[in-house]
PDB file of N, CA and C in Angstrom:
ATOM      1  N   MET A   1      85.113-174.907 -29.228  1.00  0.00           N
ATOM      2  CA  MET A   1      86.618-175.172 -29.181  1.00  0.00           C
ATOM      3  C   MET A   1      87.262-175.996 -30.517  1.00  0.00           C
ATOM      4  N   GLU A   2      86.538-176.348 -31.335  1.00  0.00           N
ATOM      5  CA  GLU A   2      87.181-177.199 -32.404  1.00  0.00           C
ATOM      6  C   GLU A   2      87.186-176.049 -33.306  1.00  0.00           C
ATOM      7  N   LYS A   3      86.482-175.035 -33.612  1.00  0.00           N
ATOM      8  CA  LYS A   3      87.125-174.064 -34.456  1.00  0.00           C
ATOM      9  C   LYS A   3      88.486-173.507 -33.817  1.00  0.00           C
ATOM     10  N   THR A   4      88.733-173.134 -32.803  1.00  0.00           N
ATOM     11  CA  THR A   4      90.024-172.700 -31.840  1.00  0.00           C
ATOM     12  C   THR A   4      91.126-173.188 -32.214  1.00  0.00           C
ATOM     13  N   ILE A   5      91.119-174.900 -32.505  1.00  0.00           N
ATOM     14  CA  ILE A   5      91.838-175.804 -32.386  1.00  0.00           C
ATOM     15  C   ILE A   5      92.254-175.537 -33.985  1.00  0.00           C
ATOM     16  N   ARG A   6      91.312-175.665 -34.672  1.00  0.00           N
ATOM     17  CA  ARG A   6      91.099-175.335 -36.270  1.00  0.00           C
ATOM     18  C   ARG A   6      91.798-174.182 -37.068  1.00  0.00           C
ATOM     19  N   TYR A   7      91.321-173.022 -36.637  1.00  0.00           N
ATOM     20  CA  TYR A   7      91.737-171.729 -37.083  1.00  0.00           C
ATOM     21  C   TYR A   7      92.403-170.883 -36.393  1.00  0.00           C
ATOM     22  N   GLY A   8      92.704-170.908 -35.054  1.00  0.00           N
ATOM     23  CA  GLY A   8      92.828-170.222 -33.854  1.00  0.00           C
ATOM     24  C   GLY A   8      95.120-170.221 -33.949  1.00  0.00           C
ATOM     25  N   SER A   9      95.501-169.124 -33.390  1.00  0.00           N
ATOM     26  CA  SER A   9      96.834-169.198 -33.386  1.00  0.00           C
ATOM     27  C   SER A   9      97.486-170.538 -32.359  1.00  0.00           C
ATOM     28  N   ARG A  10      98.732-171.106 -32.658  1.00  0.00           N
ATOM     29  CA  ARG A  10      99.459-172.338 -31.977  1.00  0.00           C
ATOM     30  C   ARG A  10     100.446-171.448 -31.320  1.00  0.00           C
ATOM     31  N   SER A  11     100.333-171.900 -30.351  1.00  0.00           N
ATOM     32  CA  SER A  11     102.015-171.433 -29.221  1.00  0.00           C
ATOM     33  C   SER A  11     102.190-172.355 -28.080  1.00  0.00           C
ATOM     34  N   PRO A  12     103.185-172.827 -27.844  1.00  0.00           N
ATOM     35  CA  PRO A  12     104.107-173.597 -26.973  1.00  0.00           C
ATOM     36  C   PRO A  12     102.949-173.849 -25.505  1.00  0.00           C
ATOM     37  N   ASP A  13     103.393-174.636 -25.093  1.00  0.00           N
ATOM     38  CA  ASP A  13     102.411-174.155 -23.444  1.00  0.00           C
ATOM     39  C   ASP A  13     103.117-173.671 -22.653  1.00  0.00           C
ATOM     40  N   PRO A  14     102.430-172.860 -22.087  1.00  0.00           N
ATOM     41  CA  PRO A  14     103.547-172.123 -21.125  1.00  0.00           C
ATOM     42  C   PRO A  14     104.720-172.250 -20.444  1.00  0.00           C
ATOM     43  N   GLN A  15     103.807-173.750 -19.836  1.00  0.00           N
ATOM     44  CA  GLN A  15     104.303-174.388 -18.361  1.00  0.00           C
ATOM     45  C   GLN A  15     105.230-175.362 -19.056  1.00  0.00           C
ATOM     46  N   LYS A  16     105.702-174.742 -20.296  1.00  0.00           N
ATOM     47  CA  LYS A  16     106.379-175.759 -21.324  1.00  0.00           C
ATOM     48  C   LYS A  16     106.668-177.712 -21.304  1.00  0.00           C
ATOM     49  N   ILE A  17     105.403-177.881 -20.879  1.00  0.00           N
ATOM     50  CA  ILE A  17     105.236-179.504 -20.761  1.00  0.00           C
ATOM     51  C   ILE A  17     105.357-179.767 -22.622  1.00  0.00           C
ATOM     52  N   ALA A  18     105.850-180.998 -22.529  1.00  0.00           N
ATOM     53  CA  ALA A  18     106.112-181.520 -24.134  1.00  0.00           C
ATOM     54  C   ALA A  18     105.269-182.059 -24.770  1.00  0.00           C
ATOM     55  N   GLY A  19     104.508-181.617 -25.762  1.00  0.00           N
ATOM     56  CA  GLY A  19     103.282-182.141 -26.416  1.00  0.00           C
ATOM     57  C   GLY A  19     102.429-181.303 -26.094  1.00  0.00           C
ATOM     58  N   GLN A  20     102.089-180.472 -25.389  1.00  0.00           N
ATOM     59  CA  GLN A  20     101.103-179.471 -25.097  1.00  0.00           C
ATOM     60  C   GLN A  20     101.404-178.200 -26.099  1.00  0.00           C
ATOM     61  N   PHE A  21     100.248-177.859 -26.580  1.00  0.00           N
ATOM     62  CA  PHE A  21     100.107-176.315 -27.052  1.00  0.00           C
ATOM     63  C   PHE A  21      98.979-175.734 -26.977  1.00  0.00           C
ATOM     64  N   VAL A  22      98.818-174.478 -27.112  1.00  0.00           N
ATOM     65  CA  VAL A  22      98.025-173.611 -26.838  1.00  0.00           C
ATOM     66  C   VAL A  22      97.780-172.963 -27.666  1.00  0.00           C
ATOM     67  N   TYR A  23      96.248-172.896 -27.892  1.00  0.00           N
ATOM     68  CA  TYR A  23      95.677-172.481 -29.369  1.00  0.00           C
ATOM     69  C   TYR A  23      94.586-171.462 -28.558  1.00  0.00           C
ATOM     70  N   ARG A  24      94.845-169.798 -29.715  1.00  0.00           N
ATOM     71  CA  ARG A  24      94.059-168.851 -29.196  1.00  0.00           C
ATOM     72  C   ARG A  24      93.034-168.613 -30.369  1.00  0.00           C
ATOM     73  N   THR A  25      92.368-167.738 -30.179  1.00  0.00           N
ATOM     74  CA  THR A  25      91.640-167.503 -31.175  1.00  0.00           C
ATOM     75  C   THR A  25      90.670-166.141 -30.315  1.00  0.00           C
ATOM     76  N   GLU A  26      89.909-164.935 -30.871  1.00  0.00           N
ATOM     77  CA  GLU A  26      88.605-163.894 -30.589  1.00  0.00           C
ATOM     78  C   GLU A  26      87.821-164.681 -30.718  1.00  0.00           C
ATOM     79  N   MET A  27      86.253-164.413 -29.833  1.00  0.00           N
ATOM     80  CA  MET A  27      85.290-164.617 -29.797  1.00  0.00           C
ATOM     81  C   MET A  27      84.172-163.792 -29.470  1.00  0.00           C
ATOM     82  N   TYR A  28      83.396-163.576 -30.101  1.00  0.00           N
ATOM     83  CA  TYR A  28      82.179-161.740 -29.679  1.00  0.00           C
ATOM     84  C   TYR A  28      80.971-162.581 -28.957  1.00  0.00           C
ATOM     85  N   ARG A  29      79.994-162.024 -28.317  1.00  0.00           N
ATOM     86  CA  ARG A  29      79.285-162.223 -27.615  1.00  0.00           C
ATOM     87  C   ARG A  29      78.329-160.854 -27.750  1.00  0.00           C
ATOM     88  N   LEU A  30      76.944-161.033 -28.125  1.00  0.00           N
ATOM     89  CA  LEU A  30      76.147-159.982 -28.330  1.00  0.00           C
ATOM     90  C   LEU A  30      75.703-159.536 -26.920  1.00  0.00           C
ATOM     91  N   VAL A  31      75.514-158.215 -26.549  1.00  0.00           N
ATOM     92  CA  VAL A  31      75.393-158.041 -24.949  1.00  0.00           C
ATOM     93  C   VAL A  31      74.113-156.826 -25.179  1.00  0.00           C
ATOM     94  N   LYS A  32      73.388-157.082 -24.414  1.00  0.00           N
ATOM     95  CA  LYS A  32      72.034-156.046 -24.421  1.00  0.00           C
ATOM     96  C   LYS A  32      72.540-155.194 -23.530  1.00  0.00           C
ATOM     97  N   ARG A  33      72.785-153.856 -23.702  1.00  0.00           N
ATOM     98  CA  ARG A  33      73.207-152.659 -22.763  1.00  0.00           C
ATOM     99  C   ARG A  33      71.441-151.742 -23.178  1.00  0.00           C
ATOM    100  N   THR A  34      71.088-150.985 -21.794  1.00  0.00           N
ATOM    101  CA  THR A  34      70.484-150.057 -22.026  1.00  0.00           C
ATOM    102  C   THR A  34      70.777-148.530 -21.716  1.00  0.00           C
ATOM    103  N   VAL A  35      70.742-147.923 -22.521  1.00  0.00           N
ATOM    104  CA  VAL A  35      71.486-146.596 -22.715  1.00  0.00           C
ATOM    105  C   VAL A  35      70.654-145.420 -22.648  1.00  0.00           C
ATOM    106  N   GLY A  36      70.133-144.740 -21.606  1.00  0.00           N
ATOM    107  CA  GLY A  36      68.554-143.519 -21.601  1.00  0.00           C
ATOM    108  C   GLY A  36      67.596-143.858 -22.793  1.00  0.00           C
ATOM    109  N   GLY A  37      67.176-145.194 -22.075  1.00  0.00           N
ATOM    110  CA  GLY A  37      65.565-145.622 -21.795  1.00  0.00           C
ATOM    111  C   GLY A  37      66.004-146.567 -23.080  1.00  0.00           C
ATOM    112  N   GLN A  38      67.318-146.454 -24.306  1.00  0.00           N
ATOM    113  CA  GLN A  38      67.118-146.992 -25.283  1.00  0.00           C
ATOM    114  C   GLN A  38      68.245-148.444 -25.402  1.00  0.00           C
ATOM    115  N   VAL A  39      67.684-149.410 -25.703  1.00  0.00           N
ATOM    116  CA  VAL A  39      68.346-150.777 -25.536  1.00  0.00           C
ATOM    117  C   VAL A  39      69.304-151.374 -26.842  1.00  0.00           C
ATOM    118  N   LYS A  40      69.808-151.582 -26.420  1.00  0.00           N
ATOM    119  CA  LYS A  40      71.342-151.403 -27.343  1.00  0.00           C
ATOM    120  C   LYS A  40      71.862-153.026 -27.128  1.00  0.00           C
ATOM    121  N   TYR A  41      72.788-153.587 -28.307  1.00  0.00           N
ATOM    122  CA  TYR A  41      73.425-154.604 -28.740  1.00  0.00           C
ATOM    123  C   TYR A  41      74.520-154.149 -29.261  1.00  0.00           C
ATOM    124  N   VAL A  42      75.844-154.337 -28.485  1.00  0.00           N
ATOM    125  CA  VAL A  42      76.987-154.494 -28.456  1.00  0.00           C
ATOM    126  C   VAL A  42      77.891-155.777 -28.473  1.00  0.00           C
ATOM    127  N   HIS A  43      78.215-155.959 -29.099  1.00  0.00           N
ATOM    128  CA  HIS A  43      79.464-156.934 -29.005  1.00  0.00           C
ATOM    129  C   HIS A  43      80.350-156.698 -28.174  1.00  0.00           C
ATOM    130  N   GLN A  44      80.824-158.131 -27.468  1.00  0.00           N
ATOM    131  CA  GLN A  44      81.991-157.990 -26.779  1.00  0.00           C
ATOM    132  C   GLN A  44      82.669-159.100 -26.840  1.00  0.00           C
ATOM    133  N   ARG A  45      83.936-158.799 -26.940  1.00  0.00           N
ATOM    134  CA  ARG A  45      84.864-159.713 -27.232  1.00  0.00           C
ATOM    135  C   ARG A  45      85.662-160.583 -26.096  1.00  0.00           C
ATOM    136  N   TYR A  46      85.894-161.321 -26.646  1.00  0.00           N
ATOM    137  CA  TYR A  46      86.997-162.646 -25.523  1.00  0.00           C
ATOM    138  C   TYR A  46      87.485-163.429 -26.045  1.00  0.00           C
ATOM    139  N   ARG A  47      88.645-163.405 -25.542  1.00  0.00           N
ATOM    140  CA  ARG A  47      89.657-164.508 -26.226  1.00  0.00           C
ATOM    141  C   ARG A  47      89.482-165.765 -25.440  1.00  0.00           C
ATOM    142  N   LEU A  48      89.510-166.727 -26.216  1.00  0.00           N
ATOM    143  CA  LEU A  48      89.195-168.317 -25.848  1.00  0.00           C
ATOM    144  C   LEU A  48      90.898-168.746 -26.051  1.00  0.00           C
ATOM    145  N   HIS A  49      91.166-169.249 -24.774  1.00  0.00           N
ATOM    146  CA  HIS A  49      92.710-169.812 -24.828  1.00  0.00           C
ATOM    147  C   HIS A  49      92.433-171.757 -24.729  1.00  0.00           C
ATOM    148  N   VAL A  50      92.790-172.491 -25.586  1.00  0.00           N
ATOM    149  CA  VAL A  50      92.310-174.289 -25.133  1.00  0.00           C
ATOM    150  C   VAL A  50      94.122-174.869 -25.430  1.00  0.00           C
ATOM    151  N   LEU A  51      93.615-175.130 -23.917  1.00  0.00           N
ATOM    152  CA  LEU A  51      95.274-176.134 -24.254  1.00  0.00           C
ATOM    153  C   LEU A  51      95.004-177.691 -24.128  1.00  0.00           C
ATOM    154  N   VAL A  52      95.863-178.131 -25.777  1.00  0.00           N
ATOM    155  CA  VAL A  52      95.474-179.785 -25.986  1.00  0.00           C
ATOM    156  C   VAL A  52      97.172-180.155 -26.161  1.00  0.00           C
ATOM    157  N   ARG A  53      96.713-181.309 -25.524  1.00  0.00           N
ATOM    158  CA  ARG A  53      97.775-182.161 -26.132  1.00  0.00           C
ATOM    159  C   ARG A  53      97.735-182.891 -27.139  1.00  0.00           C
ATOM    160  N   GLU A  54      98.763-182.515 -28.009  1.00  0.00           N
ATOM    161  CA  GLU A  54      98.402-183.049 -29.353  1.00  0.00           C
ATOM    162  C   GLU A  54      98.999-184.274 -29.943  1.00  0.00           C
ATOM    163  N   LYS A  55      99.294-185.210 -28.890  1.00  0.00           N
ATOM    164  CA  LYS A  55      99.581-186.593 -28.993  1.00  0.00           C
ATOM    165  C   LYS A  55      97.979-187.447 -29.620  1.00  0.00           C
ATOM    166  N   ASP A  56      96.890-187.077 -28.294  1.00  0.00           N
ATOM    167  CA  ASP A  56      95.836-187.727 -28.456  1.00  0.00           C
ATOM    168  C   ASP A  56      94.652-186.810 -29.003  1.00  0.00           C
ATOM    169  N   TRP A  57      95.132-185.655 -29.177  1.00  0.00           N
ATOM    170  CA  TRP A  57      94.192-184.674 -29.554  1.00  0.00           C
ATOM    171  C   TRP A  57      93.105-183.807 -28.082  1.00  0.00           C
ATOM    172  N   THR A  58      93.833-184.023 -26.810  1.00  0.00           N
ATOM    173  CA  THR A  58      93.064-184.054 -25.353  1.00  0.00           C
ATOM    174  C   THR A  58      92.962-182.972 -25.278  1.00  0.00           C
ATOM    175  N   ILE A  59      91.498-182.529 -24.867  1.00  0.00           N
ATOM    176  CA  ILE A  59      91.950-180.929 -24.582  1.00  0.00           C
ATOM    177  C   ILE A  59      92.548-180.968 -22.894  1.00  0.00           C
ATOM    178  N   MET A  60      92.858-180.087 -22.428  1.00  0.00           N
ATOM    179  CA  MET A  60      93.495-180.492 -21.019  1.00  0.00           C
ATOM    180  C   MET A  60      92.848-179.525 -20.450  1.00  0.00           C
ATOM    181  N   HIS A  61      92.389-177.786 -20.721  1.00  0.00           N
ATOM    182  CA  HIS A  61      91.864-177.267 -20.133  1.00  0.00           C
ATOM    183  C   HIS A  61      92.032-175.707 -21.189  1.00  0.00           C
ATOM    184  N   PHE A  62      90.955-174.982 -20.872  1.00  0.00           N
ATOM    185  CA  PHE A  62      89.992-173.696 -21.757  1.00  0.00           C
ATOM    186  C   PHE A  62      89.491-173.222 -20.768  1.00  0.00           C
ATOM    187  N   HIS A  63      90.007-172.229 -21.107  1.00  0.00           N
ATOM    188  CA  HIS A  63      89.384-170.580 -20.496  1.00  0.00           C
ATOM    189  C   HIS A  63      89.168-169.588 -21.325  1.00  0.00           C
ATOM    190  N   TYR A  64      87.884-168.705 -20.957  1.00  0.00           N
ATOM    191  CA  TYR A  64      88.125-167.743 -21.838  1.00  0.00           C
ATOM    192  C   TYR A  64      88.278-166.147 -20.988  1.00  0.00           C
ATOM    193  N   ASP A  65      88.662-165.086 -21.783  1.00  0.00           N
ATOM    194  CA  ASP A  65      88.852-163.611 -20.971  1.00  0.00           C
ATOM    195  C   ASP A  65      88.191-162.591 -21.304  1.00  0.00           C
TER     196      ASP A  65
END
Protein backbone atom coordinates (compact mmCIF):
# COMPACT_ATOMS: atom_id res chain seq x y z
CA MET A 1 0.00 0.00 0.00
CA GLU A 2 2.89 2.34 0.67
CA LYS A 3 4.06 2.00 -2.94
CA THR A 4 0.54 2.76 -4.16
CA ILE A 5 0.53 5.99 -2.17
CA ARG A 6 4.05 6.87 -3.30
CA TYR A 7 3.85 5.95 -7.01
CA GLY A 8 0.14 5.56 -7.82
CA SER A 9 -2.20 8.02 -9.45
CA ARG A 10 -4.00 10.40 -7.07
CA SER A 11 -7.59 11.57 -7.42
CA PRO A 12 -10.17 13.18 -5.09
CA ASP A 13 -12.36 11.07 -2.85
CA PRO A 14 -15.44 9.82 -4.78
CA GLN A 15 -17.66 10.77 -1.81
CA LYS A 16 -16.17 14.30 -1.88
CA ILE A 17 -14.90 14.23 1.72
CA ALA A 18 -12.44 17.07 2.23
CA GLY A 19 -8.84 16.00 2.78
CA GLN A 20 -9.29 12.43 1.54
CA PHE A 21 -7.83 11.13 -1.69
CA VAL A 22 -7.84 7.83 -3.59
CA TYR A 23 -4.56 6.42 -4.86
CA ARG A 24 -4.71 3.74 -7.56
CA THR A 25 -2.14 1.46 -9.12
CA GLU A 26 -1.97 -1.83 -10.98
CA MET A 27 -0.47 -4.95 -9.47
CA TYR A 28 0.11 -8.41 -10.89
CA ARG A 29 -0.01 -11.87 -9.39
CA LEU A 30 1.20 -15.13 -10.88
CA VAL A 31 -1.63 -17.64 -11.15
CA LYS A 32 -1.06 -21.33 -11.82
CA ARG A 33 -3.19 -22.68 -14.68
CA THR A 34 -3.31 -26.22 -16.05
CA VAL A 35 -3.98 -26.33 -19.78
CA GLY A 36 -4.02 -29.71 -21.53
CA GLY A 37 -1.84 -31.38 -18.91
CA GLN A 38 0.72 -28.57 -18.92
CA VAL A 39 1.19 -26.18 -16.07
CA LYS A 40 1.35 -22.52 -17.07
CA TYR A 41 1.86 -19.47 -14.92
CA VAL A 42 0.05 -16.38 -16.11
CA HIS A 43 0.08 -12.85 -14.77
CA GLN A 44 -3.31 -11.79 -13.46
CA ARG A 45 -3.83 -8.03 -13.25
CA TYR A 46 -5.45 -6.34 -10.27
CA ARG A 47 -6.10 -2.68 -9.55
CA LEU A 48 -5.41 -1.54 -5.98
CA HIS A 49 -7.39 1.40 -4.54
CA VAL A 50 -6.26 3.04 -1.30
CA LEU A 51 -8.32 5.79 0.37
CA VAL A 52 -6.08 8.06 2.47
CA ARG A 53 -6.79 10.96 4.83
CA GLU A 54 -3.79 13.15 4.03
CA LYS A 55 -3.94 15.22 7.22
CA ASP A 56 -2.28 12.41 9.16
CA TRP A 57 -1.77 9.82 6.36
CA THR A 58 -4.30 7.39 7.80
CA ILE A 59 -5.46 4.65 5.43
CA MET A 60 -9.23 4.78 5.67
CA HIS A 61 -10.06 1.96 3.25
CA PHE A 62 -8.48 -0.21 0.56
CA HIS A 63 -9.61 -2.83 -1.92
CA TYR A 64 -8.53 -4.42 -5.16
CA ASP A 65 -10.48 -5.63 -8.14
